[in-house]
């Protein structure tokens, strides 16, 4: 079975980028959709370019390697204490 992976609406993508740029402390909450849509590589590229920290939901575990410096760990009922160490 093939899963549809539609492209995002370009105007909504531009709006999201503007909101992220204006944010003082952005954070990405990666859920199962990152894994289901096979977007883990794209997430990693985004994080390494922007240095935006990432948290994971239970379904999103593994979206970014657990030992990646931008991975803050889990949120929600399975949450962990955040310890972010960005490379210089």
C-alpha atoms as a PDB file:
ATOM      1  CA  UNK A   1       0.000   0.000   0.000  1.00  0.00           C
ATOM      2  CA  UNK A   2       1.317   3.414  -0.920  1.00  0.00           C
ATOM      3  CA  UNK A   3       0.862   6.293   1.518  1.00  0.00           C
ATOM      4  CA  UNK A   4       0.117   9.725   0.054  1.00  0.00           C
ATOM      5  CA  UNK A   5       2.608  12.403   1.035  1.00  0.00           C
ATOM      6  CA  UNK A   6       1.199  15.699  -0.284  1.00  0.00           C
ATOM      7  CA  UNK A   7       3.468  18.750  -0.526  1.00  0.00           C
ATOM      8  CA  UNK A   8       2.787  21.587   1.936  1.00  0.00           C
ATOM      9  CA  UNK A   9       0.940  24.701   0.837  1.00  0.00           C
ATOM     10  CA  UNK A  10       3.680  27.213  -0.102  1.00  0.00           C
ATOM     11  CA  UNK A  11       1.937  30.215   1.497  1.00  0.00           C
ATOM     12  CA  UNK A  12       1.504  28.336   4.790  1.00  0.00           C
ATOM     13  CA  UNK A  13       5.144  27.236   4.639  1.00  0.00           C
ATOM     14  CA  UNK A  14       6.261  30.865   4.183  1.00  0.00           C
ATOM     15  CA  UNK A  15       4.070  31.933   7.096  1.00  0.00           C
ATOM     16  CA  UNK A  16       5.539  29.211   9.319  1.00  0.00           C
ATOM     17  CA  UNK A  17       9.082  30.280   8.359  1.00  0.00           C
ATOM     18  CA  UNK A  18       8.272  33.885   9.287  1.00  0.00           C
ATOM     19  CA  UNK A  19       6.888  32.830  12.665  1.00  0.00           C
ATOM     20  CA  UNK A  20       9.962  30.716  13.373  1.00  0.00           C
ATOM     21  CA  UNK A  21      12.323  33.550  12.391  1.00  0.00           C
ATOM     22  CA  UNK A  22      10.459  35.942  14.701  1.00  0.00           C
ATOM     23  CA  UNK A  23      10.554  33.513  17.623  1.00  0.00           C
ATOM     24  CA  UNK A  24      13.084  34.084  20.392  1.00  0.00           C
ATOM     25  CA  UNK A  25      13.200  30.464  21.582  1.00  0.00           C
ATOM     26  CA  UNK A  26      11.676  28.127  19.007  1.00  0.00           C
ATOM     27  CA  UNK A  27      11.397  24.398  19.664  1.00  0.00           C
ATOM     28  CA  UNK A  28      10.290  21.595  17.380  1.00  0.00           C
ATOM     29  CA  UNK A  29       7.942  18.947  18.784  1.00  0.00           C
ATOM     30  CA  UNK A  30       8.511  15.936  16.567  1.00  0.00           C
ATOM     31  CA  UNK A  31       5.671  13.471  16.542  1.00  0.00           C
ATOM     32  CA  UNK A  32       4.897  10.263  14.753  1.00  0.00           C
ATOM     33  CA  UNK A  33       4.156  12.138  11.562  1.00  0.00           C
ATOM     34  CA  UNK A  34       7.873  12.758  11.073  1.00  0.00           C
ATOM     35  CA  UNK A  35       8.486   9.015  11.076  1.00  0.00           C
ATOM     36  CA  UNK A  36       5.324   8.007   9.190  1.00  0.00           C
ATOM     37  CA  UNK A  37       6.066  10.493   6.411  1.00  0.00           C
ATOM     38  CA  UNK A  38       9.702   9.385   6.222  1.00  0.00           C
ATOM     39  CA  UNK A  39      10.893  12.922   7.018  1.00  0.00           C
ATOM     40  CA  UNK A  40      13.584  12.115   9.607  1.00  0.00           C
ATOM     41  CA  UNK A  41      16.376  13.151   7.222  1.00  0.00           C
ATOM     42  CA  UNK A  42      14.665  16.456   6.473  1.00  0.00           C
ATOM     43  CA  UNK A  43      14.170  17.084  10.196  1.00  0.00           C
ATOM     44  CA  UNK A  44      17.859  16.471  10.834  1.00  0.00           C
ATOM     45  CA  UNK A  45      18.859  18.846   8.014  1.00  0.00           C
ATOM     46  CA  UNK A  46      16.534  21.544   9.364  1.00  0.00           C
ATOM     47  CA  UNK A  47      17.836  21.164  12.909  1.00  0.00           C
ATOM     48  CA  UNK A  48      21.480  21.204  11.860  1.00  0.00           C
ATOM     49  CA  UNK A  49      20.964  24.350   9.763  1.00  0.00           C
ATOM     50  CA  UNK A  50      18.858  26.251  12.282  1.00  0.00           C
ATOM     51  CA  UNK A  51      20.012  24.782  15.626  1.00  0.00           C
ATOM     52  CA  UNK A  52      16.390  24.694  16.773  1.00  0.00           C
ATOM     53  CA  UNK A  53      16.086  22.167  19.614  1.00  0.00           C
ATOM     54  CA  UNK A  54      13.807  19.148  19.189  1.00  0.00           C
ATOM     55  CA  UNK A  55      11.583  17.257  21.591  1.00  0.00           C
ATOM     56  CA  UNK A  56       9.901  13.950  20.795  1.00  0.00           C
ATOM     57  CA  UNK A  57       6.467  12.609  21.498  1.00  0.00           C
ATOM     58  CA  UNK A  58       6.132   8.906  22.234  1.00  0.00           C
ATOM     59  CA  UNK A  59       5.224   8.211  18.598  1.00  0.00           C
ATOM     60  CA  UNK A  60       8.057  10.463  17.428  1.00  0.00           C
ATOM     61  CA  UNK A  61      10.849   8.703  19.292  1.00  0.00           C
ATOM     62  CA  UNK A  62      13.747   8.194  16.928  1.00  0.00           C
ATOM     63  CA  UNK A  63      12.820  11.086  14.640  1.00  0.00           C
ATOM     64  CA  UNK A  64      16.194  12.536  15.604  1.00  0.00           C
ATOM     65  CA  UNK A  65      18.899  10.303  17.089  1.00  0.00           C
ATOM     66  CA  UNK A  66      18.720  10.301  20.901  1.00  0.00           C
ATOM     67  CA  UNK A  67      22.357  11.424  21.161  1.00  0.00           C
ATOM     68  CA  UNK A  68      22.043  14.301  18.674  1.00  0.00           C
ATOM     69  CA  UNK A  69      23.097  17.523  20.467  1.00  0.00           C
ATOM     70  CA  UNK A  70      19.793  19.238  19.574  1.00  0.00           C
ATOM     71  CA  UNK A  71      17.591  16.410  20.895  1.00  0.00           C
ATOM     72  CA  UNK A  72      16.035  17.524  24.179  1.00  0.00           C
ATOM     73  CA  UNK A  73      14.383  14.163  24.759  1.00  0.00           C
ATOM     74  CA  UNK A  74      10.793  13.137  25.224  1.00  0.00           C
ATOM     75  CA  UNK A  75       7.817  15.299  26.179  1.00  0.00           C
ATOM     76  CA  UNK A  76       4.501  14.315  27.650  1.00  0.00           C
ATOM     77  CA  UNK A  77       3.896  11.309  29.895  1.00  0.00           C
ATOM     78  CA  UNK A  78       7.228   9.808  28.839  1.00  0.00           C
ATOM     79  CA  UNK A  79       9.120  13.082  29.263  1.00  0.00           C
ATOM     80  CA  UNK A  80      12.723  13.565  30.279  1.00  0.00           C
ATOM     81  CA  UNK A  81      14.732  16.440  31.673  1.00  0.00           C
ATOM     82  CA  UNK A  82      16.142  18.585  28.823  1.00  0.00           C
ATOM     83  CA  UNK A  83      19.912  18.868  28.535  1.00  0.00           C
ATOM     84  CA  UNK A  84      20.838  20.525  25.284  1.00  0.00           C
ATOM     85  CA  UNK A  85      24.496  20.788  24.250  1.00  0.00           C
ATOM     86  CA  UNK A  86      24.860  22.478  20.875  1.00  0.00           C
ATOM     87  CA  UNK A  87      28.170  22.184  19.034  1.00  0.00           C
ATOM     88  CA  UNK A  88      30.039  25.448  18.635  1.00  0.00           C
END
